[in-house]
Amino acid sequence: MDATVATLIGTSIGTLGGLTGGILTALLQSRHARAQLDIEERRRRADLRREACNDLASAAHQYRMHWWQLNAKLGKGVADRDLFDDSAALWTEVTAAHSRAAIAGPARIAEAADQLLAQLHAMDSAGTEWFSSVESGYQHSVDVLRDELLAARRAVRVGAFASVVRRELGNDAPSLPVPRARAREAADSPSPRVRSSDNSDSA
């Protein structure tokens, strides 16, 4: 009887130990799975943030270059309505990309995105005023309007936005080919005066 009891006790202890070990193993596996899911979710969010920021940087850069083309036309007294109308579609891309970047965050990137959008809007407003003046044939303040557009365009700091993104998200964040863009702008410059007054980059 004592041997039987001892056997039962031993069997129970062994079974309990096995169950305990199994439970601990399951808990560890569950914890590891949750940790892996957390890592993957953080990576996914980071990728989405980088993509959103890259889209905004690219859209802003394209919009800035589009206004350089308009500036070249306006500097020759040509109000290219088709080219001007194309800016509306590009602006839609800019605002959509801004919304994605601002929502994705974090806060410092959202703030930088807001600043970039405000800079682009100021450039658009200055350019639209100059375009309207040229289109209507009113040339009295053309020098002032041209200088206002160039100043607003220089204030568009796409590179500064990209720098904020790199600080917040790491080195895989977007960067722009500013030197090549600057060289292209110099080649397309309509006049020496414009070339010398817009020699800054977008950083």
N, C-alpha and C. Protein backbone atom coordinates (compact mmCIF):
# COMPACT_ATOMS: atom_id res chain seq x y z
N MET A 1 0.83 -1.20 0.00
CA MET A 1 0.00 0.00 0.00
C MET A 1 0.86 1.24 0.00
N ASP A 2 1.87 1.20 0.84
CA ASP A 2 2.78 2.36 0.90
C ASP A 2 3.49 2.56 -0.43
N ALA A 3 3.85 1.44 -1.04
CA ALA A 3 4.54 1.52 -2.34
C ALA A 3 3.60 2.08 -3.41
N THR A 4 2.34 1.64 -3.29
CA THR A 4 1.36 2.13 -4.28
C THR A 4 1.15 3.62 -4.13
N VAL A 5 1.02 4.05 -2.86
CA VAL A 5 0.85 5.49 -2.60
C VAL A 5 2.06 6.27 -3.09
N ALA A 6 3.21 5.73 -2.81
CA ALA A 6 4.43 6.41 -3.24
C ALA A 6 4.49 6.52 -4.75
N THR A 7 4.06 5.42 -5.41
CA THR A 7 4.05 5.44 -6.87
C THR A 7 3.09 6.49 -7.41
N LEU A 8 1.89 6.54 -6.79
CA LEU A 8 0.90 7.53 -7.20
C LEU A 8 1.39 8.96 -6.99
N ILE A 9 2.03 9.11 -5.80
CA ILE A 9 2.56 10.45 -5.51
C ILE A 9 3.64 10.83 -6.52
N GLY A 10 4.50 9.86 -6.80
CA GLY A 10 5.57 10.13 -7.76
C GLY A 10 5.03 10.43 -9.14
N THR A 11 4.01 9.65 -9.50
CA THR A 11 3.40 9.88 -10.81
C THR A 11 2.74 11.25 -10.88
N SER A 12 2.06 11.61 -9.79
CA SER A 12 1.40 12.92 -9.75
C SER A 12 2.41 14.05 -9.83
N ILE A 13 3.49 13.87 -9.07
CA ILE A 13 4.53 14.90 -9.10
C ILE A 13 5.12 15.03 -10.51
N GLY A 14 5.35 13.88 -11.13
CA GLY A 14 5.90 13.91 -12.47
C GLY A 14 4.95 14.55 -13.46
N THR A 15 3.67 14.20 -13.31
CA THR A 15 2.67 14.80 -14.20
C THR A 15 2.56 16.30 -13.99
N LEU A 16 2.53 16.69 -12.68
CA LEU A 16 2.46 18.12 -12.36
C LEU A 16 3.67 18.87 -12.88
N GLY A 17 4.84 18.23 -12.73
CA GLY A 17 6.05 18.86 -13.25
C GLY A 17 6.00 19.02 -14.75
N GLY A 18 5.48 17.99 -15.41
CA GLY A 18 5.37 18.07 -16.86
C GLY A 18 4.40 19.16 -17.29
N LEU A 19 3.28 19.24 -16.57
CA LEU A 19 2.30 20.29 -16.87
C LEU A 19 2.89 21.67 -16.64
N THR A 20 3.59 21.80 -15.50
CA THR A 20 4.20 23.09 -15.18
C THR A 20 5.23 23.48 -16.23
N GLY A 21 6.03 22.52 -16.62
CA GLY A 21 7.02 22.80 -17.66
C GLY A 21 6.38 23.17 -18.97
N GLY A 22 5.29 22.45 -19.29
CA GLY A 22 4.58 22.77 -20.53
C GLY A 22 3.97 24.16 -20.50
N ILE A 23 3.40 24.51 -19.34
CA ILE A 23 2.81 25.84 -19.19
C ILE A 23 3.86 26.93 -19.31
N LEU A 24 5.00 26.70 -18.64
CA LEU A 24 6.08 27.68 -18.71
C LEU A 24 6.60 27.84 -20.14
N THR A 25 6.72 26.70 -20.82
CA THR A 25 7.18 26.74 -22.21
C THR A 25 6.19 27.51 -23.09
N ALA A 26 4.90 27.24 -22.87
CA ALA A 26 3.87 27.94 -23.64
C ALA A 26 3.88 29.43 -23.36
N LEU A 27 4.07 29.80 -22.07
CA LEU A 27 4.13 31.21 -21.71
C LEU A 27 5.32 31.91 -22.36
N LEU A 28 6.46 31.21 -22.34
CA LEU A 28 7.66 31.78 -22.95
C LEU A 28 7.48 31.94 -24.46
N GLN A 29 6.88 30.93 -25.08
CA GLN A 29 6.64 31.02 -26.51
C GLN A 29 5.66 32.14 -26.85
N SER A 30 4.62 32.27 -26.01
CA SER A 30 3.64 33.33 -26.22
C SER A 30 4.28 34.70 -26.06
N ARG A 31 5.13 34.83 -25.03
CA ARG A 31 5.82 36.10 -24.81
C ARG A 31 6.74 36.43 -25.98
N HIS A 32 7.44 35.41 -26.46
CA HIS A 32 8.34 35.62 -27.60
C HIS A 32 7.54 36.02 -28.84
N ALA A 33 6.38 35.36 -29.04
CA ALA A 33 5.56 35.68 -30.21
C ALA A 33 5.05 37.12 -30.13
N ARG A 34 4.62 37.53 -28.91
CA ARG A 34 4.14 38.90 -28.75
C ARG A 34 5.26 39.90 -29.00
N ALA A 35 6.46 39.59 -28.49
CA ALA A 35 7.60 40.48 -28.70
C ALA A 35 7.93 40.59 -30.18
N GLN A 36 7.85 39.46 -30.89
CA GLN A 36 8.12 39.46 -32.32
C GLN A 36 7.08 40.28 -33.07
N LEU A 37 5.82 40.14 -32.66
CA LEU A 37 4.75 40.92 -33.28
C LEU A 37 4.94 42.41 -33.02
N ASP A 38 5.37 42.75 -31.80
CA ASP A 38 5.63 44.16 -31.47
C ASP A 38 6.74 44.72 -32.35
N ILE A 39 7.81 43.93 -32.54
CA ILE A 39 8.92 44.36 -33.38
C ILE A 39 8.46 44.58 -34.82
N GLU A 40 7.68 43.63 -35.31
CA GLU A 40 7.19 43.74 -36.68
C GLU A 40 6.25 44.93 -36.84
N GLU A 41 5.41 45.19 -35.81
CA GLU A 41 4.50 46.32 -35.88
C GLU A 41 5.26 47.64 -35.85
N ARG A 42 6.30 47.73 -35.01
CA ARG A 42 7.12 48.94 -34.97
C ARG A 42 7.83 49.16 -36.31
N ARG A 43 8.32 48.05 -36.88
CA ARG A 43 8.99 48.15 -38.18
C ARG A 43 8.01 48.60 -39.26
N ARG A 44 6.80 48.05 -39.19
CA ARG A 44 5.79 48.42 -40.18
C ARG A 44 5.44 49.91 -40.07
N ARG A 45 5.26 50.38 -38.82
CA ARG A 45 4.94 51.80 -38.63
C ARG A 45 6.08 52.68 -39.10
N ALA A 46 7.32 52.26 -38.82
CA ALA A 46 8.48 53.05 -39.26
C ALA A 46 8.54 53.10 -40.78
N ASP A 47 8.26 51.97 -41.43
CA ASP A 47 8.27 51.94 -42.90
C ASP A 47 7.19 52.86 -43.46
N LEU A 48 6.01 52.85 -42.85
CA LEU A 48 4.93 53.71 -43.31
C LEU A 48 5.29 55.18 -43.12
N ARG A 49 5.94 55.49 -42.00
CA ARG A 49 6.37 56.87 -41.75
C ARG A 49 7.39 57.31 -42.78
N ARG A 50 8.37 56.45 -43.04
CA ARG A 50 9.39 56.80 -44.03
C ARG A 50 8.77 57.00 -45.41
N GLU A 51 7.85 56.11 -45.77
CA GLU A 51 7.20 56.23 -47.07
C GLU A 51 6.40 57.53 -47.17
N ALA A 52 5.66 57.85 -46.11
CA ALA A 52 4.86 59.08 -46.11
C ALA A 52 5.76 60.31 -46.21
N CYS A 53 6.84 60.30 -45.46
CA CYS A 53 7.76 61.45 -45.49
C CYS A 53 8.47 61.55 -46.83
N ASN A 54 8.84 60.42 -47.39
CA ASN A 54 9.48 60.43 -48.70
C ASN A 54 8.54 60.97 -49.76
N ASP A 55 7.25 60.59 -49.66
CA ASP A 55 6.26 61.10 -50.61
C ASP A 55 6.13 62.61 -50.50
N LEU A 56 6.11 63.12 -49.26
CA LEU A 56 5.98 64.57 -49.08
C LEU A 56 7.22 65.30 -49.59
N ALA A 57 8.40 64.79 -49.26
CA ALA A 57 9.63 65.42 -49.73
C ALA A 57 9.68 65.45 -51.26
N SER A 58 9.28 64.33 -51.87
CA SER A 58 9.30 64.25 -53.33
C SER A 58 8.27 65.20 -53.95
N ALA A 59 7.05 65.21 -53.40
CA ALA A 59 6.00 66.08 -53.93
C ALA A 59 6.38 67.55 -53.78
N ALA A 60 6.95 67.92 -52.63
CA ALA A 60 7.37 69.29 -52.40
C ALA A 60 8.48 69.70 -53.36
N HIS A 61 9.42 68.78 -53.55
CA HIS A 61 10.53 69.06 -54.47
C HIS A 61 10.01 69.26 -55.89
N GLN A 62 9.09 68.41 -56.32
CA GLN A 62 8.52 68.54 -57.66
C GLN A 62 7.75 69.86 -57.81
N TYR A 63 7.04 70.23 -56.75
CA TYR A 63 6.26 71.47 -56.81
C TYR A 63 7.18 72.68 -56.89
N ARG A 64 8.25 72.62 -56.13
CA ARG A 64 9.22 73.70 -56.16
C ARG A 64 9.85 73.82 -57.55
N MET A 65 10.20 72.69 -58.18
CA MET A 65 10.77 72.69 -59.51
C MET A 65 9.75 73.16 -60.55
N HIS A 66 8.49 72.81 -60.34
CA HIS A 66 7.44 73.25 -61.26
C HIS A 66 7.36 74.78 -61.28
N TRP A 67 7.47 75.38 -60.10
CA TRP A 67 7.42 76.83 -60.05
C TRP A 67 8.69 77.45 -60.63
N TRP A 68 9.78 76.72 -60.66
CA TRP A 68 10.96 77.22 -61.35
C TRP A 68 10.68 77.32 -62.85
N GLN A 69 9.99 76.31 -63.39
CA GLN A 69 9.63 76.35 -64.81
C GLN A 69 8.68 77.53 -65.10
N LEU A 70 7.71 77.72 -64.21
CA LEU A 70 6.81 78.86 -64.37
C LEU A 70 7.57 80.18 -64.27
N ASN A 71 8.50 80.24 -63.33
CA ASN A 71 9.31 81.44 -63.18
C ASN A 71 10.08 81.75 -64.45
N ALA A 72 10.63 80.71 -65.10
CA ALA A 72 11.38 80.92 -66.34
C ALA A 72 10.48 81.51 -67.42
N LYS A 73 9.25 81.04 -67.50
CA LYS A 73 8.30 81.57 -68.48
C LYS A 73 7.91 83.01 -68.14
N LEU A 74 7.58 83.23 -66.87
CA LEU A 74 7.13 84.56 -66.45
C LEU A 74 8.23 85.59 -66.63
N GLY A 75 9.48 85.16 -66.41
CA GLY A 75 10.60 86.08 -66.59
C GLY A 75 10.72 86.56 -68.02
N LYS A 76 10.15 85.80 -68.96
CA LYS A 76 10.14 86.21 -70.37
C LYS A 76 8.83 86.87 -70.76
N GLY A 77 7.97 87.11 -69.75
CA GLY A 77 6.69 87.75 -70.03
C GLY A 77 5.64 86.82 -70.57
N VAL A 78 5.83 85.49 -70.41
CA VAL A 78 4.90 84.49 -70.94
C VAL A 78 4.09 83.89 -69.79
N ALA A 79 2.78 84.04 -69.84
CA ALA A 79 1.90 83.43 -68.85
C ALA A 79 1.36 82.13 -69.42
N ASP A 80 2.08 81.04 -69.18
CA ASP A 80 1.71 79.74 -69.73
C ASP A 80 0.56 79.16 -68.90
N ARG A 81 -0.66 79.29 -69.41
CA ARG A 81 -1.84 78.87 -68.65
C ARG A 81 -1.85 77.37 -68.41
N ASP A 82 -1.45 76.57 -69.41
CA ASP A 82 -1.44 75.12 -69.22
C ASP A 82 -0.46 74.72 -68.11
N LEU A 83 0.72 75.33 -68.13
CA LEU A 83 1.71 75.02 -67.11
C LEU A 83 1.22 75.47 -65.74
N PHE A 84 0.57 76.61 -65.70
CA PHE A 84 0.03 77.09 -64.43
C PHE A 84 -1.08 76.17 -63.92
N ASP A 85 -1.95 75.71 -64.81
CA ASP A 85 -3.04 74.82 -64.40
C ASP A 85 -2.50 73.49 -63.89
N ASP A 86 -1.36 73.05 -64.42
CA ASP A 86 -0.77 71.80 -63.95
C ASP A 86 -0.38 71.88 -62.47
N SER A 87 -0.14 73.10 -62.00
CA SER A 87 0.26 73.25 -60.60
C SER A 87 -0.85 72.83 -59.64
N ALA A 88 -2.10 72.90 -60.08
CA ALA A 88 -3.22 72.50 -59.22
C ALA A 88 -3.15 71.01 -58.90
N ALA A 89 -2.85 70.19 -59.91
CA ALA A 89 -2.73 68.75 -59.69
C ALA A 89 -1.55 68.44 -58.77
N LEU A 90 -0.45 69.14 -58.99
CA LEU A 90 0.73 68.93 -58.13
C LEU A 90 0.45 69.36 -56.70
N TRP A 91 -0.31 70.44 -56.54
CA TRP A 91 -0.65 70.90 -55.20
C TRP A 91 -1.52 69.87 -54.47
N THR A 92 -2.40 69.21 -55.20
CA THR A 92 -3.21 68.16 -54.60
C THR A 92 -2.32 67.03 -54.08
N GLU A 93 -1.29 66.69 -54.84
CA GLU A 93 -0.35 65.66 -54.40
C GLU A 93 0.40 66.12 -53.14
N VAL A 94 0.77 67.38 -53.12
CA VAL A 94 1.48 67.92 -51.96
C VAL A 94 0.62 67.84 -50.70
N THR A 95 -0.62 68.30 -50.80
CA THR A 95 -1.48 68.32 -49.61
C THR A 95 -1.83 66.91 -49.15
N ALA A 96 -2.03 65.99 -50.08
CA ALA A 96 -2.31 64.61 -49.71
C ALA A 96 -1.11 63.98 -49.01
N ALA A 97 0.09 64.23 -49.55
CA ALA A 97 1.31 63.69 -48.94
C ALA A 97 1.55 64.33 -47.57
N HIS A 98 1.25 65.62 -47.45
CA HIS A 98 1.40 66.29 -46.16
C HIS A 98 0.49 65.65 -45.12
N SER A 99 -0.75 65.36 -45.48
CA SER A 99 -1.69 64.76 -44.53
C SER A 99 -1.18 63.41 -44.05
N ARG A 100 -0.65 62.60 -44.96
CA ARG A 100 -0.15 61.27 -44.57
C ARG A 100 1.05 61.40 -43.64
N ALA A 101 1.96 62.32 -43.95
CA ALA A 101 3.15 62.49 -43.12
C ALA A 101 2.79 63.04 -41.75
N ALA A 102 1.86 63.99 -41.71
CA ALA A 102 1.48 64.60 -40.44
C ALA A 102 0.77 63.59 -39.55
N ILE A 103 -0.07 62.75 -40.13
CA ILE A 103 -0.80 61.74 -39.35
C ILE A 103 0.16 60.66 -38.85
N ALA A 104 1.09 60.25 -39.72
CA ALA A 104 2.03 59.19 -39.34
C ALA A 104 2.93 59.62 -38.19
N GLY A 105 3.28 60.91 -38.14
CA GLY A 105 4.10 61.43 -37.05
C GLY A 105 5.53 60.90 -37.10
N PRO A 106 6.25 61.02 -35.99
CA PRO A 106 5.86 61.59 -34.69
C PRO A 106 5.69 63.12 -34.73
N ALA A 107 5.53 63.72 -33.54
CA ALA A 107 5.15 65.13 -33.45
C ALA A 107 6.12 66.05 -34.18
N ARG A 108 7.42 65.81 -34.03
CA ARG A 108 8.39 66.72 -34.66
C ARG A 108 8.31 66.65 -36.19
N ILE A 109 8.04 65.47 -36.71
CA ILE A 109 7.89 65.34 -38.16
C ILE A 109 6.61 66.03 -38.60
N ALA A 110 5.54 65.87 -37.82
CA ALA A 110 4.28 66.54 -38.16
C ALA A 110 4.46 68.05 -38.18
N GLU A 111 5.21 68.59 -37.22
CA GLU A 111 5.47 70.03 -37.18
C GLU A 111 6.30 70.47 -38.38
N ALA A 112 7.31 69.68 -38.72
CA ALA A 112 8.15 70.01 -39.88
C ALA A 112 7.33 69.94 -41.17
N ALA A 113 6.42 68.98 -41.24
CA ALA A 113 5.55 68.86 -42.42
C ALA A 113 4.65 70.08 -42.54
N ASP A 114 4.12 70.55 -41.41
CA ASP A 114 3.28 71.76 -41.42
C ASP A 114 4.07 72.97 -41.90
N GLN A 115 5.31 73.08 -41.43
CA GLN A 115 6.16 74.21 -41.84
C GLN A 115 6.44 74.16 -43.34
N LEU A 116 6.73 72.97 -43.84
CA LEU A 116 7.01 72.82 -45.26
C LEU A 116 5.78 73.18 -46.09
N LEU A 117 4.62 72.74 -45.66
CA LEU A 117 3.39 73.07 -46.39
C LEU A 117 3.15 74.58 -46.41
N ALA A 118 3.39 75.24 -45.29
CA ALA A 118 3.21 76.70 -45.22
C ALA A 118 4.19 77.40 -46.16
N GLN A 119 5.42 76.91 -46.25
CA GLN A 119 6.41 77.50 -47.16
C GLN A 119 5.99 77.33 -48.61
N LEU A 120 5.48 76.15 -48.94
CA LEU A 120 5.02 75.90 -50.30
C LEU A 120 3.81 76.77 -50.65
N HIS A 121 2.94 76.96 -49.69
CA HIS A 121 1.75 77.79 -49.91
C HIS A 121 2.15 79.25 -50.16
N ALA A 122 3.15 79.73 -49.40
CA ALA A 122 3.63 81.09 -49.60
C ALA A 122 4.24 81.25 -50.99
N MET A 123 4.98 80.24 -51.43
CA MET A 123 5.56 80.29 -52.77
C MET A 123 4.46 80.30 -53.82
N ASP A 124 3.46 79.46 -53.61
CA ASP A 124 2.34 79.39 -54.55
C ASP A 124 1.60 80.73 -54.64
N SER A 125 1.38 81.35 -53.49
CA SER A 125 0.67 82.63 -53.46
C SER A 125 1.46 83.71 -54.20
N ALA A 126 2.77 83.77 -53.94
CA ALA A 126 3.61 84.77 -54.60
C ALA A 126 3.65 84.53 -56.11
N GLY A 127 3.78 83.26 -56.49
CA GLY A 127 3.83 82.93 -57.91
C GLY A 127 2.51 83.20 -58.62
N THR A 128 1.42 82.90 -57.95
CA THR A 128 0.10 83.13 -58.55
C THR A 128 -0.12 84.62 -58.79
N GLU A 129 0.33 85.44 -57.86
CA GLU A 129 0.17 86.90 -58.03
C GLU A 129 0.98 87.39 -59.22
N TRP A 130 2.20 86.88 -59.36
CA TRP A 130 3.02 87.29 -60.50
C TRP A 130 2.41 86.79 -61.81
N PHE A 131 1.94 85.53 -61.80
CA PHE A 131 1.32 84.98 -63.01
C PHE A 131 0.11 85.82 -63.43
N SER A 132 -0.74 86.17 -62.48
CA SER A 132 -1.93 86.96 -62.79
C SER A 132 -1.55 88.32 -63.36
N SER A 133 -0.48 88.90 -62.83
CA SER A 133 -0.03 90.20 -63.33
C SER A 133 0.45 90.10 -64.77
N VAL A 134 1.25 89.05 -65.06
CA VAL A 134 1.76 88.88 -66.42
C VAL A 134 0.62 88.55 -67.38
N GLU A 135 -0.29 87.68 -66.95
CA GLU A 135 -1.40 87.27 -67.81
C GLU A 135 -2.31 88.45 -68.16
N SER A 136 -2.48 89.35 -67.20
CA SER A 136 -3.35 90.50 -67.45
C SER A 136 -2.63 91.63 -68.18
N GLY A 137 -1.32 91.49 -68.37
CA GLY A 137 -0.56 92.51 -69.07
C GLY A 137 -0.13 93.66 -68.18
N TYR A 138 -0.32 93.53 -66.87
CA TYR A 138 0.06 94.59 -65.95
C TYR A 138 1.50 94.37 -65.50
N GLN A 139 2.42 95.15 -66.02
CA GLN A 139 3.84 94.93 -65.78
C GLN A 139 4.47 95.97 -64.85
N HIS A 140 3.65 96.80 -64.23
CA HIS A 140 4.18 97.92 -63.45
C HIS A 140 5.08 97.43 -62.31
N SER A 141 4.67 96.38 -61.61
CA SER A 141 5.42 95.91 -60.43
C SER A 141 6.07 94.55 -60.69
N VAL A 142 6.45 94.29 -61.93
CA VAL A 142 6.96 92.97 -62.28
C VAL A 142 8.22 92.61 -61.50
N ASP A 143 9.12 93.59 -61.30
CA ASP A 143 10.36 93.30 -60.58
C ASP A 143 10.07 92.90 -59.14
N VAL A 144 9.14 93.61 -58.52
CA VAL A 144 8.79 93.30 -57.13
C VAL A 144 8.17 91.91 -57.03
N LEU A 145 7.26 91.61 -57.93
CA LEU A 145 6.58 90.31 -57.90
C LEU A 145 7.55 89.17 -58.17
N ARG A 146 8.48 89.38 -59.09
CA ARG A 146 9.48 88.34 -59.38
C ARG A 146 10.34 88.10 -58.15
N ASP A 147 10.79 89.17 -57.51
CA ASP A 147 11.63 89.02 -56.33
C ASP A 147 10.88 88.34 -55.19
N GLU A 148 9.58 88.62 -55.07
CA GLU A 148 8.79 87.98 -54.02
C GLU A 148 8.68 86.48 -54.26
N LEU A 149 8.50 86.08 -55.52
CA LEU A 149 8.44 84.65 -55.82
C LEU A 149 9.77 83.97 -55.54
N LEU A 150 10.86 84.60 -55.98
CA LEU A 150 12.17 83.99 -55.76
C LEU A 150 12.48 83.87 -54.27
N ALA A 151 12.12 84.90 -53.49
CA ALA A 151 12.36 84.86 -52.05
C ALA A 151 11.52 83.76 -51.40
N ALA A 152 10.26 83.65 -51.83
CA ALA A 152 9.39 82.61 -51.27
C ALA A 152 9.88 81.23 -51.66
N ARG A 153 10.39 81.13 -52.87
CA ARG A 153 10.89 79.83 -53.34
C ARG A 153 12.15 79.42 -52.58
N ARG A 154 13.03 80.38 -52.32
CA ARG A 154 14.22 80.06 -51.53
C ARG A 154 13.86 79.63 -50.12
N ALA A 155 12.73 80.12 -49.61
CA ALA A 155 12.31 79.79 -48.24
C ALA A 155 11.72 78.40 -48.12
N VAL A 156 11.48 77.72 -49.25
CA VAL A 156 10.96 76.35 -49.20
C VAL A 156 12.11 75.42 -48.84
N ARG A 157 12.09 74.91 -47.61
CA ARG A 157 13.22 74.15 -47.09
C ARG A 157 12.92 72.65 -47.10
N VAL A 158 12.92 72.07 -48.29
CA VAL A 158 12.66 70.63 -48.41
C VAL A 158 13.77 69.83 -47.72
N GLY A 159 15.00 70.29 -47.91
CA GLY A 159 16.12 69.60 -47.28
C GLY A 159 16.05 69.63 -45.76
N ALA A 160 15.57 70.75 -45.20
CA ALA A 160 15.43 70.84 -43.75
C ALA A 160 14.40 69.83 -43.24
N PHE A 161 13.32 69.67 -43.99
CA PHE A 161 12.32 68.66 -43.62
C PHE A 161 12.94 67.27 -43.64
N ALA A 162 13.70 66.96 -44.69
CA ALA A 162 14.34 65.65 -44.79
C ALA A 162 15.31 65.43 -43.62
N SER A 163 15.99 66.48 -43.18
CA SER A 163 16.91 66.36 -42.05
C SER A 163 16.18 66.01 -40.77
N VAL A 164 15.02 66.64 -40.54
CA VAL A 164 14.21 66.32 -39.37
C VAL A 164 13.79 64.85 -39.41
N VAL A 165 13.38 64.40 -40.58
CA VAL A 165 12.95 63.00 -40.73
C VAL A 165 14.10 62.05 -40.42
N ARG A 166 15.29 62.36 -40.91
CA ARG A 166 16.44 61.50 -40.64
C ARG A 166 16.76 61.46 -39.16
N ARG A 167 16.65 62.60 -38.48
CA ARG A 167 16.91 62.61 -37.04
C ARG A 167 15.88 61.77 -36.28
N GLU A 168 14.64 61.81 -36.73
CA GLU A 168 13.57 61.13 -36.01
C GLU A 168 13.48 59.64 -36.37
N LEU A 169 13.74 59.30 -37.62
CA LEU A 169 13.51 57.93 -38.08
C LEU A 169 14.78 57.17 -38.44
N GLY A 170 15.91 57.85 -38.47
CA GLY A 170 17.14 57.14 -38.78
C GLY A 170 17.64 57.44 -40.19
N ASN A 171 18.74 56.83 -40.54
CA ASN A 171 19.43 57.15 -41.79
C ASN A 171 18.74 56.63 -43.04
N ASP A 172 17.71 55.79 -42.86
CA ASP A 172 17.00 55.28 -44.03
C ASP A 172 15.94 56.25 -44.53
N ALA A 173 15.81 57.39 -43.85
CA ALA A 173 14.79 58.37 -44.22
C ALA A 173 15.19 59.09 -45.50
N PRO A 174 14.25 59.82 -46.11
CA PRO A 174 14.50 60.40 -47.44
C PRO A 174 15.54 61.51 -47.43
N SER A 175 16.29 61.60 -48.51
CA SER A 175 17.18 62.73 -48.74
C SER A 175 17.04 63.10 -50.21
N LEU A 176 17.23 64.38 -50.52
CA LEU A 176 16.98 64.86 -51.88
C LEU A 176 18.28 65.14 -52.61
N PRO A 177 18.28 64.95 -53.93
CA PRO A 177 19.48 65.24 -54.73
C PRO A 177 19.58 66.74 -54.99
N VAL A 178 19.80 67.51 -53.92
CA VAL A 178 19.80 68.97 -54.04
C VAL A 178 20.86 69.49 -55.00
N PRO A 179 22.12 68.98 -54.94
CA PRO A 179 23.12 69.53 -55.86
C PRO A 179 22.72 69.39 -57.33
N ARG A 180 22.15 68.21 -57.71
CA ARG A 180 21.74 68.03 -59.09
C ARG A 180 20.58 68.94 -59.44
N ALA A 181 19.66 69.09 -58.49
CA ALA A 181 18.52 69.99 -58.73
C ALA A 181 19.01 71.42 -58.91
N ARG A 182 19.99 71.81 -58.08
CA ARG A 182 20.51 73.18 -58.19
C ARG A 182 21.21 73.39 -59.52
N ALA A 183 21.96 72.36 -59.96
CA ALA A 183 22.64 72.48 -61.23
C ALA A 183 21.64 72.57 -62.37
N ARG A 184 20.55 71.81 -62.29
CA ARG A 184 19.52 71.86 -63.33
C ARG A 184 18.86 73.23 -63.36
N GLU A 185 18.62 73.79 -62.18
CA GLU A 185 18.01 75.12 -62.12
C GLU A 185 18.92 76.15 -62.76
N ALA A 186 20.22 76.07 -62.49
CA ALA A 186 21.16 77.04 -63.05
C ALA A 186 21.17 76.95 -64.57
N ALA A 187 21.08 75.70 -65.09
CA ALA A 187 21.09 75.52 -66.54
C ALA A 187 19.84 76.08 -67.18
N ASP A 188 18.71 76.02 -66.46
CA ASP A 188 17.43 76.49 -67.00
C ASP A 188 17.13 77.94 -66.68
N SER A 189 18.04 78.61 -65.97
CA SER A 189 17.77 79.96 -65.52
C SER A 189 17.51 80.89 -66.69
N PRO A 190 16.44 81.71 -66.64
CA PRO A 190 16.09 82.57 -67.77
C PRO A 190 16.98 83.78 -67.94
N SER A 191 17.67 84.20 -66.89
CA SER A 191 18.49 85.39 -67.02
C SER A 191 19.55 85.39 -65.93
N PRO A 192 20.68 86.10 -66.13
CA PRO A 192 21.71 86.18 -65.09
C PRO A 192 21.16 86.73 -63.80
N ARG A 193 20.23 87.68 -63.88
CA ARG A 193 19.71 88.27 -62.65
C ARG A 193 18.98 87.24 -61.81
N VAL A 194 18.14 86.44 -62.48
CA VAL A 194 17.40 85.41 -61.75
C VAL A 194 18.34 84.36 -61.21
N ARG A 195 19.35 84.01 -62.00
CA ARG A 195 20.28 82.98 -61.56
C ARG A 195 21.02 83.42 -60.30
N SER A 196 21.41 84.65 -60.22
CA SER A 196 22.17 85.10 -59.07
C SER A 196 21.27 85.31 -57.84
N SER A 197 19.98 85.55 -58.05
CA SER A 197 19.10 85.82 -56.93
C SER A 197 18.47 84.57 -56.36
N ASP A 198 18.71 83.41 -57.00
CA ASP A 198 18.10 82.17 -56.51
C ASP A 198 19.15 81.08 -56.44
N ASN A 199 20.27 81.41 -55.78
CA ASN A 199 21.38 80.47 -55.77
C ASN A 199 21.41 79.59 -54.54
N SER A 200 20.35 79.63 -53.73
CA SER A 200 20.31 78.77 -52.56
C SER A 200 19.64 77.47 -52.90
N ASP A 201 19.91 76.44 -52.08
CA ASP A 201 19.23 75.17 -52.30
C ASP A 201 18.03 75.07 -51.38
N SER A 202 17.44 73.87 -51.38
CA SER A 202 16.21 73.68 -50.60
C SER A 202 16.48 73.14 -49.23
N ALA A 203 17.73 73.14 -48.79
CA ALA A 203 18.04 72.60 -47.47
C ALA A 203 17.64 73.54 -46.38
